[in-house]
Amino acid sequence: MIATESRDSYCGRSVLLTPGATYRRLNVPGEDVLIGAGIHICATCDGPFYNGKELVVVSGVEEGLFLTKFATKVTILEVGDRIRASQILQGKAASHPQI
């Protein structure tokens, strides 16, 4: 389960991490054990595994948009107090029916 500062929580059997142009880890308990078995870092490599599923993407607006090709719903969580994607990507995500 992932809990946000606003006390929203998200629960699922898998987590797909897409933290930007360079792979970044969240350093959360159990992450090392679950890489490749529930936690994934490469949206383009691992996105097809989630065909027809709901996903939570951590810090990855562009990757979240890409994953709408496979997932029925994509929830994007941002690490920090602001979205770091460009205004263009933010607008696309805000208007996308699956995000």
PDB file of N, CA and C in Angstrom:
ATOM      1  N   MET A   1       0.843  -1.167   0.000  1.00  0.00           N
ATOM      2  CA  MET A   1       0.000   0.000   0.000  1.00  0.00           C
ATOM      3  C   MET A   1       0.897   1.241   0.000  1.00  0.00           C
ATOM      4  N   ILE A   2       0.453   2.262  -0.719  1.00  0.00           N
ATOM      5  CA  ILE A   2       1.131   3.546  -0.749  1.00  0.00           C
ATOM      6  C   ILE A   2       0.195   4.571  -0.128  1.00  0.00           C
ATOM      7  N   ALA A   3       0.713   5.353   0.813  1.00  0.00           N
ATOM      8  CA  ALA A   3      -0.074   6.413   1.443  1.00  0.00           C
ATOM      9  C   ALA A   3       0.546   7.752   1.085  1.00  0.00           C
ATOM     10  N   THR A   4      -0.299   8.721   0.791  1.00  0.00           N
ATOM     11  CA  THR A   4       0.172  10.053   0.416  1.00  0.00           C
ATOM     12  C   THR A   4       0.085  10.996   1.607  1.00  0.00           C
ATOM     13  N   GLU A   5       0.676  12.174   1.461  1.00  0.00           N
ATOM     14  CA  GLU A   5       0.608  13.173   2.529  1.00  0.00           C
ATOM     15  C   GLU A   5      -0.823  13.581   2.837  1.00  0.00           C
ATOM     16  N   SER A   6      -1.694  13.546   1.834  1.00  0.00           N
ATOM     17  CA  SER A   6      -3.092  13.930   2.050  1.00  0.00           C
ATOM     18  C   SER A   6      -3.919  12.776   2.631  1.00  0.00           C
ATOM     19  N   ARG A   7      -3.240  11.716   2.999  1.00  0.00           N
ATOM     20  CA  ARG A   7      -3.833  10.524   3.620  1.00  0.00           C
ATOM     21  C   ARG A   7      -4.656   9.678   2.660  1.00  0.00           C
ATOM     22  N   ASP A   8      -4.517   9.911   1.351  1.00  0.00           N
ATOM     23  CA  ASP A   8      -5.099   8.989   0.390  1.00  0.00           C
ATOM     24  C   ASP A   8      -4.219   7.747   0.375  1.00  0.00           C
ATOM     25  N   SER A   9      -4.805   6.598   0.125  1.00  0.00           N
ATOM     26  CA  SER A   9      -3.985   5.396   0.041  1.00  0.00           C
ATOM     27  C   SER A   9      -4.353   4.606  -1.200  1.00  0.00           C
ATOM     28  N   TYR A  10      -3.364   3.927  -1.735  1.00  0.00           N
ATOM     29  CA  TYR A  10      -3.512   3.130  -2.944  1.00  0.00           C
ATOM     30  C   TYR A  10      -2.954   1.753  -2.650  1.00  0.00           C
ATOM     31  N   CYS A  11      -3.684   0.741  -3.045  1.00  0.00           N
ATOM     32  CA  CYS A  11      -3.275  -0.625  -2.761  1.00  0.00           C
ATOM     33  C   CYS A  11      -3.331  -1.441  -4.049  1.00  0.00           C
ATOM     34  N   GLY A  12      -2.371  -2.305  -4.233  1.00  0.00           N
ATOM     35  CA  GLY A  12      -2.364  -3.154  -5.411  1.00  0.00           C
ATOM     36  C   GLY A  12      -1.355  -4.270  -5.247  1.00  0.00           C
ATOM     37  N   ARG A  13      -1.388  -5.214  -6.164  1.00  0.00           N
ATOM     38  CA  ARG A  13      -0.451  -6.335  -6.098  1.00  0.00           C
ATOM     39  C   ARG A  13       0.887  -5.991  -6.733  1.00  0.00           C
ATOM     40  N   SER A  14       0.935  -4.951  -7.554  1.00  0.00           N
ATOM     41  CA  SER A  14       2.161  -4.578  -8.241  1.00  0.00           C
ATOM     42  C   SER A  14       2.322  -3.074  -8.237  1.00  0.00           C
ATOM     43  N   VAL A  15       3.558  -2.636  -8.375  1.00  0.00           N
ATOM     44  CA  VAL A  15       3.878  -1.219  -8.482  1.00  0.00           C
ATOM     45  C   VAL A  15       4.801  -1.055  -9.672  1.00  0.00           C
ATOM     46  N   LEU A  16       4.504  -0.111 -10.540  1.00  0.00           N
ATOM     47  CA  LEU A  16       5.358   0.196 -11.677  1.00  0.00           C
ATOM     48  C   LEU A  16       5.955   1.566 -11.432  1.00  0.00           C
ATOM     49  N   LEU A  17       7.256   1.615 -11.153  1.00  0.00           N
ATOM     50  CA  LEU A  17       7.936   2.878 -10.905  1.00  0.00           C
ATOM     51  C   LEU A  17       8.448   3.423 -12.221  1.00  0.00           C
ATOM     52  N   THR A  18       8.150   4.683 -12.501  1.00  0.00           N
ATOM     53  CA  THR A  18       8.647   5.324 -13.721  1.00  0.00           C
ATOM     54  C   THR A  18       9.159   6.708 -13.355  1.00  0.00           C
ATOM     55  N   PRO A  19      10.303   6.766 -12.678  1.00  0.00           N
ATOM     56  CA  PRO A  19      10.743   8.031 -12.101  1.00  0.00           C
ATOM     57  C   PRO A  19      11.543   8.946 -13.010  1.00  0.00           C
ATOM     58  N   GLY A  20      11.359   8.905 -14.306  1.00  0.00           N
ATOM     59  CA  GLY A  20      11.994   9.894 -15.173  1.00  0.00           C
ATOM     60  C   GLY A  20      13.063   9.320 -16.073  1.00  0.00           C
ATOM     61  N   ALA A  21      13.878  10.218 -16.615  1.00  0.00           N
ATOM     62  CA  ALA A  21      14.877   9.841 -17.614  1.00  0.00           C
ATOM     63  C   ALA A  21      15.967   8.940 -17.045  1.00  0.00           C
ATOM     64  N   THR A  22      16.251   9.077 -15.772  1.00  0.00           N
ATOM     65  CA  THR A  22      17.197   8.167 -15.132  1.00  0.00           C
ATOM     66  C   THR A  22      16.431   7.378 -14.091  1.00  0.00           C
ATOM     67  N   TYR A  23      16.784   6.120 -13.953  1.00  0.00           N
ATOM     68  CA  TYR A  23      16.090   5.281 -12.989  1.00  0.00           C
ATOM     69  C   TYR A  23      16.436   5.728 -11.577  1.00  0.00           C
ATOM     70  N   ARG A  24      15.405   6.021 -10.812  1.00  0.00           N
ATOM     71  CA  ARG A  24      15.585   6.383  -9.416  1.00  0.00           C
ATOM     72  C   ARG A  24      14.785   5.416  -8.573  1.00  0.00           C
ATOM     73  N   ARG A  25      15.325   5.034  -7.479  1.00  0.00           N
ATOM     74  CA  ARG A  25      14.638   4.137  -6.562  1.00  0.00           C
ATOM     75  C   ARG A  25      13.992   4.970  -5.461  1.00  0.00           C
ATOM     76  N   LEU A  26      12.946   4.435  -4.866  1.00  0.00           N
ATOM     77  CA  LEU A  26      12.273   5.133  -3.775  1.00  0.00           C
ATOM     78  C   LEU A  26      12.863   4.783  -2.418  1.00  0.00           C
ATOM     79  N   ASN A  27      13.657   3.703  -2.370  1.00  0.00           N
ATOM     80  CA  ASN A  27      14.278   3.259  -1.113  1.00  0.00           C
ATOM     81  C   ASN A  27      13.232   3.009  -0.026  1.00  0.00           C
ATOM     82  N   VAL A  28      12.207   2.248  -0.391  1.00  0.00           N
ATOM     83  CA  VAL A  28      11.176   1.868   0.564  1.00  0.00           C
ATOM     84  C   VAL A  28      11.382   0.404   0.947  1.00  0.00           C
ATOM     85  N   PRO A  29      10.920   0.006   2.127  1.00  0.00           N
ATOM     86  CA  PRO A  29      11.100  -1.386   2.561  1.00  0.00           C
ATOM     87  C   PRO A  29      10.521  -2.379   1.546  1.00  0.00           C
ATOM     88  N   GLY A  30      11.292  -3.405   1.228  1.00  0.00           N
ATOM     89  CA  GLY A  30      10.857  -4.451   0.315  1.00  0.00           C
ATOM     90  C   GLY A  30      11.112  -4.165  -1.147  1.00  0.00           C
ATOM     91  N   GLU A  31      11.565  -2.967  -1.470  1.00  0.00           N
ATOM     92  CA  GLU A  31      11.769  -2.589  -2.870  1.00  0.00           C
ATOM     93  C   GLU A  31      12.763  -3.509  -3.558  1.00  0.00           C
ATOM     94  N   ASP A  32      13.890  -3.807  -2.925  1.00  0.00           N
ATOM     95  CA  ASP A  32      14.912  -4.651  -3.554  1.00  0.00           C
ATOM     96  C   ASP A  32      14.366  -6.023  -3.912  1.00  0.00           C
ATOM     97  N   VAL A  33      13.571  -6.581  -3.043  1.00  0.00           N
ATOM     98  CA  VAL A  33      13.024  -7.926  -3.262  1.00  0.00           C
ATOM     99  C   VAL A  33      11.993  -7.938  -4.381  1.00  0.00           C
ATOM    100  N   LEU A  34      11.259  -6.828  -4.544  1.00  0.00           N
ATOM    101  CA  LEU A  34      10.144  -6.794  -5.485  1.00  0.00           C
ATOM    102  C   LEU A  34      10.481  -6.219  -6.864  1.00  0.00           C
ATOM    103  N   ILE A  35      11.717  -5.746  -7.069  1.00  0.00           N
ATOM    104  CA  ILE A  35      12.087  -5.260  -8.403  1.00  0.00           C
ATOM    105  C   ILE A  35      11.948  -6.413  -9.388  1.00  0.00           C
ATOM    106  N   GLY A  36      11.140  -6.211 -10.404  1.00  0.00           N
ATOM    107  CA  GLY A  36      10.890  -7.244 -11.413  1.00  0.00           C
ATOM    108  C   GLY A  36       9.791  -8.220 -11.034  1.00  0.00           C
ATOM    109  N   ALA A  37       9.281  -8.115  -9.823  1.00  0.00           N
ATOM    110  CA  ALA A  37       8.223  -9.021  -9.368  1.00  0.00           C
ATOM    111  C   ALA A  37       7.161  -8.220  -8.627  1.00  0.00           C
ATOM    112  N   GLY A  38       6.655  -7.187  -9.273  1.00  0.00           N
ATOM    113  CA  GLY A  38       5.633  -6.338  -8.668  1.00  0.00           C
ATOM    114  C   GLY A  38       6.004  -4.870  -8.718  1.00  0.00           C
ATOM    115  N   ILE A  39       7.299  -4.568  -8.646  1.00  0.00           N
ATOM    116  CA  ILE A  39       7.779  -3.201  -8.821  1.00  0.00           C
ATOM    117  C   ILE A  39       8.601  -3.187 -10.103  1.00  0.00           C
ATOM    118  N   HIS A  40       8.238  -2.302 -11.009  1.00  0.00           N
ATOM    119  CA  HIS A  40       8.934  -2.209 -12.288  1.00  0.00           C
ATOM    120  C   HIS A  40       9.387  -0.776 -12.520  1.00  0.00           C
ATOM    121  N   ILE A  41      10.478  -0.625 -13.252  1.00  0.00           N
ATOM    122  CA  ILE A  41      11.071   0.690 -13.460  1.00  0.00           C
ATOM    123  C   ILE A  41      10.958   1.150 -14.904  1.00  0.00           C
ATOM    124  N   CYS A  42      10.767   0.253 -15.842  1.00  0.00           N
ATOM    125  CA  CYS A  42      10.767   0.601 -17.259  1.00  0.00           C
ATOM    126  C   CYS A  42       9.362   0.478 -17.847  1.00  0.00           C
ATOM    127  N   ALA A  43       8.714   1.620 -18.085  1.00  0.00           N
ATOM    128  CA  ALA A  43       7.352   1.618 -18.625  1.00  0.00           C
ATOM    129  C   ALA A  43       7.300   0.965 -20.003  1.00  0.00           C
ATOM    130  N   THR A  44       8.255   1.273 -20.860  1.00  0.00           N
ATOM    131  CA  THR A  44       8.228   0.712 -22.214  1.00  0.00           C
ATOM    132  C   THR A  44       8.529  -0.779 -22.206  1.00  0.00           C
ATOM    133  N   CYS A  45       9.348  -1.230 -21.273  1.00  0.00           N
ATOM    134  CA  CYS A  45       9.677  -2.657 -21.196  1.00  0.00           C
ATOM    135  C   CYS A  45       8.556  -3.464 -20.546  1.00  0.00           C
ATOM    136  N   ASP A  46       7.998  -2.929 -19.477  1.00  0.00           N
ATOM    137  CA  ASP A  46       7.087  -3.702 -18.642  1.00  0.00           C
ATOM    138  C   ASP A  46       5.625  -3.318 -18.769  1.00  0.00           C
ATOM    139  N   GLY A  47       5.322  -2.257 -19.495  1.00  0.00           N
ATOM    140  CA  GLY A  47       3.941  -1.824 -19.660  1.00  0.00           C
ATOM    141  C   GLY A  47       3.000  -2.896 -20.165  1.00  0.00           C
ATOM    142  N   PRO A  48       3.404  -3.696 -21.177  1.00  0.00           N
ATOM    143  CA  PRO A  48       2.492  -4.718 -21.686  1.00  0.00           C
ATOM    144  C   PRO A  48       2.060  -5.760 -20.648  1.00  0.00           C
ATOM    145  N   PHE A  49       2.832  -5.941 -19.591  1.00  0.00           N
ATOM    146  CA  PHE A  49       2.435  -6.876 -18.531  1.00  0.00           C
ATOM    147  C   PHE A  49       1.173  -6.414 -17.819  1.00  0.00           C
ATOM    148  N   TYR A  50       0.838  -5.151 -17.956  1.00  0.00           N
ATOM    149  CA  TYR A  50      -0.289  -4.570 -17.228  1.00  0.00           C
ATOM    150  C   TYR A  50      -1.481  -4.255 -18.122  1.00  0.00           C
ATOM    151  N   ASN A  51      -1.590  -4.972 -19.215  1.00  0.00           N
ATOM    152  CA  ASN A  51      -2.718  -4.796 -20.128  1.00  0.00           C
ATOM    153  C   ASN A  51      -4.034  -5.070 -19.387  1.00  0.00           C
ATOM    154  N   GLY A  52      -4.927  -4.091 -19.427  1.00  0.00           N
ATOM    155  CA  GLY A  52      -6.232  -4.244 -18.794  1.00  0.00           C
ATOM    156  C   GLY A  52      -6.244  -4.039 -17.289  1.00  0.00           C
ATOM    157  N   LYS A  53      -5.151  -3.586 -16.718  1.00  0.00           N
ATOM    158  CA  LYS A  53      -5.048  -3.385 -15.267  1.00  0.00           C
ATOM    159  C   LYS A  53      -5.070  -1.897 -14.923  1.00  0.00           C
ATOM    160  N   GLU A  54      -5.253  -1.597 -13.646  1.00  0.00           N
ATOM    161  CA  GLU A  54      -5.106  -0.242 -13.132  1.00  0.00           C
ATOM    162  C   GLU A  54      -3.694  -0.115 -12.575  1.00  0.00           C
ATOM    163  N   LEU A  55      -3.043   1.010 -12.833  1.00  0.00           N
ATOM    164  CA  LEU A  55      -1.665   1.226 -12.406  1.00  0.00           C
ATOM    165  C   LEU A  55      -1.529   2.486 -11.572  1.00  0.00           C
ATOM    166  N   VAL A  56      -0.531   2.475 -10.701  1.00  0.00           N
ATOM    167  CA  VAL A  56      -0.086   3.677 -10.012  1.00  0.00           C
ATOM    168  C   VAL A  56       1.339   3.925 -10.469  1.00  0.00           C
ATOM    169  N   VAL A  57       1.599   5.120 -10.977  1.00  0.00           N
ATOM    170  CA  VAL A  57       2.922   5.510 -11.455  1.00  0.00           C
ATOM    171  C   VAL A  57       3.455   6.571 -10.498  1.00  0.00           C
ATOM    172  N   VAL A  58       4.673   6.381 -10.025  1.00  0.00           N
ATOM    173  CA  VAL A  58       5.289   7.343  -9.116  1.00  0.00           C
ATOM    174  C   VAL A  58       6.219   8.249  -9.916  1.00  0.00           C
ATOM    175  N   SER A  59       5.914   9.543  -9.920  1.00  0.00           N
ATOM    176  CA  SER A  59       6.749  10.569 -10.568  1.00  0.00           C
ATOM    177  C   SER A  59       7.052  10.262 -12.026  1.00  0.00           C
ATOM    178  N   GLY A  60       6.032  10.138 -12.828  1.00  0.00           N
ATOM    179  CA  GLY A  60       6.267   9.877 -14.236  1.00  0.00           C
ATOM    180  C   GLY A  60       5.077  10.216 -15.108  1.00  0.00           C
ATOM    181  N   VAL A  61       4.866  11.493 -15.385  1.00  0.00           N
ATOM    182  CA  VAL A  61       3.722  11.918 -16.190  1.00  0.00           C
ATOM    183  C   VAL A  61       3.836  11.381 -17.612  1.00  0.00           C
ATOM    184  N   GLU A  62       5.004  11.527 -18.222  1.00  0.00           N
ATOM    185  CA  GLU A  62       5.173  11.043 -19.598  1.00  0.00           C
ATOM    186  C   GLU A  62       4.989   9.528 -19.668  1.00  0.00           C
ATOM    187  N   GLU A  63       5.540   8.813 -18.702  1.00  0.00           N
ATOM    188  CA  GLU A  63       5.388   7.372 -18.671  1.00  0.00           C
ATOM    189  C   GLU A  63       3.935   6.978 -18.396  1.00  0.00           C
ATOM    190  N   GLY A  64       3.278   7.749 -17.528  1.00  0.00           N
ATOM    191  CA  GLY A  64       1.863   7.497 -17.256  1.00  0.00           C
ATOM    192  C   GLY A  64       1.019   7.628 -18.514  1.00  0.00           C
ATOM    193  N   LEU A  65       1.299   8.650 -19.302  1.00  0.00           N
ATOM    194  CA  LEU A  65       0.593   8.813 -20.577  1.00  0.00           C
ATOM    195  C   LEU A  65       0.858   7.623 -21.497  1.00  0.00           C
ATOM    196  N   PHE A  66       2.105   7.192 -21.572  1.00  0.00           N
ATOM    197  CA  PHE A  66       2.443   6.026 -22.396  1.00  0.00           C
ATOM    198  C   PHE A  66       1.690   4.781 -21.927  1.00  0.00           C
ATOM    199  N   LEU A  67       1.597   4.593 -20.623  1.00  0.00           N
ATOM    200  CA  LEU A  67       0.980   3.385 -20.080  1.00  0.00           C
ATOM    201  C   LEU A  67      -0.525   3.322 -20.304  1.00  0.00           C
ATOM    202  N   THR A  68      -1.146   4.432 -20.696  1.00  0.00           N
ATOM    203  CA  THR A  68      -2.581   4.378 -21.017  1.00  0.00           C
ATOM    204  C   THR A  68      -2.836   3.504 -22.236  1.00  0.00           C
ATOM    205  N   LYS A  69      -1.802   3.177 -22.995  1.00  0.00           N
ATOM    206  CA  LYS A  69      -1.960   2.238 -24.116  1.00  0.00           C
ATOM    207  C   LYS A  69      -2.318   0.846 -23.619  1.00  0.00           C
ATOM    208  N   PHE A  70      -1.973   0.548 -22.378  1.00  0.00           N
ATOM    209  CA  PHE A  70      -2.179  -0.790 -21.817  1.00  0.00           C
ATOM    210  C   PHE A  70      -3.171  -0.802 -20.667  1.00  0.00           C
ATOM    211  N   ALA A  71      -3.011   0.121 -19.742  1.00  0.00           N
ATOM    212  CA  ALA A  71      -3.804   0.116 -18.516  1.00  0.00           C
ATOM    213  C   ALA A  71      -5.186   0.714 -18.734  1.00  0.00           C
ATOM    214  N   THR A  72      -6.131   0.276 -17.919  1.00  0.00           N
ATOM    215  CA  THR A  72      -7.468   0.852 -17.981  1.00  0.00           C
ATOM    216  C   THR A  72      -7.524   2.184 -17.239  1.00  0.00           C
ATOM    217  N   LYS A  73      -6.657   2.339 -16.220  1.00  0.00           N
ATOM    218  CA  LYS A  73      -6.596   3.570 -15.444  1.00  0.00           C
ATOM    219  C   LYS A  73      -5.172   3.741 -14.937  1.00  0.00           C
ATOM    220  N   VAL A  74      -4.673   4.959 -14.981  1.00  0.00           N
ATOM    221  CA  VAL A  74      -3.337   5.273 -14.478  1.00  0.00           C
ATOM    222  C   VAL A  74      -3.463   6.410 -13.467  1.00  0.00           C
ATOM    223  N   THR A  75      -3.002   6.168 -12.256  1.00  0.00           N
ATOM    224  CA  THR A  75      -2.949   7.186 -11.218  1.00  0.00           C
ATOM    225  C   THR A  75      -1.491   7.602 -11.082  1.00  0.00           C
ATOM    226  N   ILE A  76      -1.230   8.889 -11.151  1.00  0.00           N
ATOM    227  CA  ILE A  76       0.143   9.386 -11.064  1.00  0.00           C
ATOM    228  C   ILE A  76       0.333  10.056  -9.706  1.00  0.00           C
ATOM    229  N   LEU A  77       1.316   9.569  -8.958  1.00  0.00           N
ATOM    230  CA  LEU A  77       1.689  10.167  -7.683  1.00  0.00           C
ATOM    231  C   LEU A  77       3.014  10.880  -7.879  1.00  0.00           C
ATOM    232  N   GLU A  78       3.136  12.061  -7.352  1.00  0.00           N
ATOM    233  CA  GLU A  78       4.371  12.829  -7.492  1.00  0.00           C
ATOM    234  C   GLU A  78       5.118  12.828  -6.171  1.00  0.00           C
ATOM    235  N   VAL A  79       6.419  12.623  -6.230  1.00  0.00           N
ATOM    236  CA  VAL A  79       7.261  12.740  -5.050  1.00  0.00           C
ATOM    237  C   VAL A  79       7.623  14.214  -4.923  1.00  0.00           C
ATOM    238  N   GLY A  80       7.251  14.820  -3.834  1.00  0.00           N
ATOM    239  CA  GLY A  80       7.523  16.242  -3.651  1.00  0.00           C
ATOM    240  C   GLY A  80       6.245  17.049  -3.666  1.00  0.00           C
ATOM    241  N   ASP A  81       6.417  18.356  -3.677  1.00  0.00           N
ATOM    242  CA  ASP A  81       5.274  19.251  -3.538  1.00  0.00           C
ATOM    243  C   ASP A  81       4.765  19.824  -4.852  1.00  0.00           C
ATOM    244  N   ARG A  82       5.362  19.399  -5.981  1.00  0.00           N
ATOM    245  CA  ARG A  82       4.898  19.916  -7.268  1.00  0.00           C
ATOM    246  C   ARG A  82       5.157  18.877  -8.361  1.00  0.00           C
ATOM    247  N   ILE A  83       4.403  19.012  -9.445  1.00  0.00           N
ATOM    248  CA  ILE A  83       4.607  18.147 -10.605  1.00  0.00           C
ATOM    249  C   ILE A  83       5.766  18.719 -11.402  1.00  0.00           C
ATOM    250  N   ARG A  84       6.731  17.870 -11.727  1.00  0.00           N
ATOM    251  CA  ARG A  84       7.928  18.346 -12.405  1.00  0.00           C
ATOM    252  C   ARG A  84       7.857  18.210 -13.922  1.00  0.00           C
ATOM    253  N   ALA A  85       6.784  17.665 -14.448  1.00  0.00           N
ATOM    254  CA  ALA A  85       6.636  17.528 -15.899  1.00  0.00           C
ATOM    255  C   ALA A  85       6.370  18.895 -16.529  1.00  0.00           C
ATOM    256  N   SER A  86       6.619  18.975 -17.839  1.00  0.00           N
ATOM    257  CA  SER A  86       6.358  20.228 -18.555  1.00  0.00           C
ATOM    258  C   SER A  86       4.866  20.552 -18.529  1.00  0.00           C
ATOM    259  N   GLN A  87       4.550  21.810 -18.773  1.00  0.00           N
ATOM    260  CA  GLN A  87       3.151  22.235 -18.807  1.00  0.00           C
ATOM    261  C   GLN A  87       2.374  21.480 -19.890  1.00  0.00           C
ATOM    262  N   ILE A  88       3.020  21.205 -21.003  1.00  0.00           N
ATOM    263  CA  ILE A  88       2.364  20.463 -22.094  1.00  0.00           C
ATOM    264  C   ILE A  88       1.972  19.067 -21.622  1.00  0.00           C
ATOM    265  N   LEU A  89       2.906  18.353 -20.979  1.00  0.00           N
ATOM    266  CA  LEU A  89       2.598  17.012 -20.480  1.00  0.00           C
ATOM    267  C   LEU A  89       1.559  17.059 -19.370  1.00  0.00           C
ATOM    268  N   GLN A  90       1.640  18.064 -18.505  1.00  0.00           N
ATOM    269  CA  GLN A  90       0.639  18.189 -17.449  1.00  0.00           C
ATOM    270  C   GLN A  90      -0.754  18.371 -18.033  1.00  0.00           C
ATOM    271  N   GLY A  91      -0.852  19.193 -19.094  1.00  0.00           N
ATOM    272  CA  GLY A  91      -2.142  19.418 -19.744  1.00  0.00           C
ATOM    273  C   GLY A  91      -2.682  18.159 -20.393  1.00  0.00           C
ATOM    274  N   LYS A  92      -1.805  17.411 -21.049  1.00  0.00           N
ATOM    275  CA  LYS A  92      -2.231  16.157 -21.685  1.00  0.00           C
ATOM    276  C   LYS A  92      -2.734  15.175 -20.615  1.00  0.00           C
ATOM    277  N   ALA A  93      -2.006  15.074 -19.525  1.00  0.00           N
ATOM    278  CA  ALA A  93      -2.415  14.152 -18.462  1.00  0.00           C
ATOM    279  C   ALA A  93      -3.731  14.588 -17.820  1.00  0.00           C
ATOM    280  N   ALA A  94      -3.871  15.898 -17.587  1.00  0.00           N
ATOM    281  CA  ALA A  94      -5.082  16.413 -16.954  1.00  0.00           C
ATOM    282  C   ALA A  94      -6.335  16.172 -17.802  1.00  0.00           C
ATOM    283  N   SER A  95      -6.171  16.138 -19.112  1.00  0.00           N
ATOM    284  CA  SER A  95      -7.332  15.963 -19.973  1.00  0.00           C
ATOM    285  C   SER A  95      -7.521  14.524 -20.445  1.00  0.00           C
ATOM    286  N   HIS A  96      -6.620  13.635 -20.066  1.00  0.00           N
ATOM    287  CA  HIS A  96      -6.720  12.252 -20.539  1.00  0.00           C
ATOM    288  C   HIS A  96      -7.761  11.495 -19.701  1.00  0.00           C
ATOM    289  N   PRO A  97      -8.705  10.825 -20.334  1.00  0.00           N
ATOM    290  CA  PRO A  97      -9.779  10.154 -19.578  1.00  0.00           C
ATOM    291  C   PRO A  97      -9.313   8.966 -18.729  1.00  0.00           C
ATOM    292  N   GLN A  98      -8.139   8.412 -19.002  1.00  0.00           N
ATOM    293  CA  GLN A  98      -7.673   7.253 -18.234  1.00  0.00           C
ATOM    294  C   GLN A  98      -6.756   7.653 -17.073  1.00  0.00           C
ATOM    295  N   ILE A  99      -6.452   8.934 -16.955  1.00  0.00           N
ATOM    296  CA  ILE A  99      -5.553   9.374 -15.879  1.00  0.00           C
ATOM    297  C   ILE A  99      -6.367  10.132 -14.847  1.00  0.00           C
TER     298      ILE A  99
END
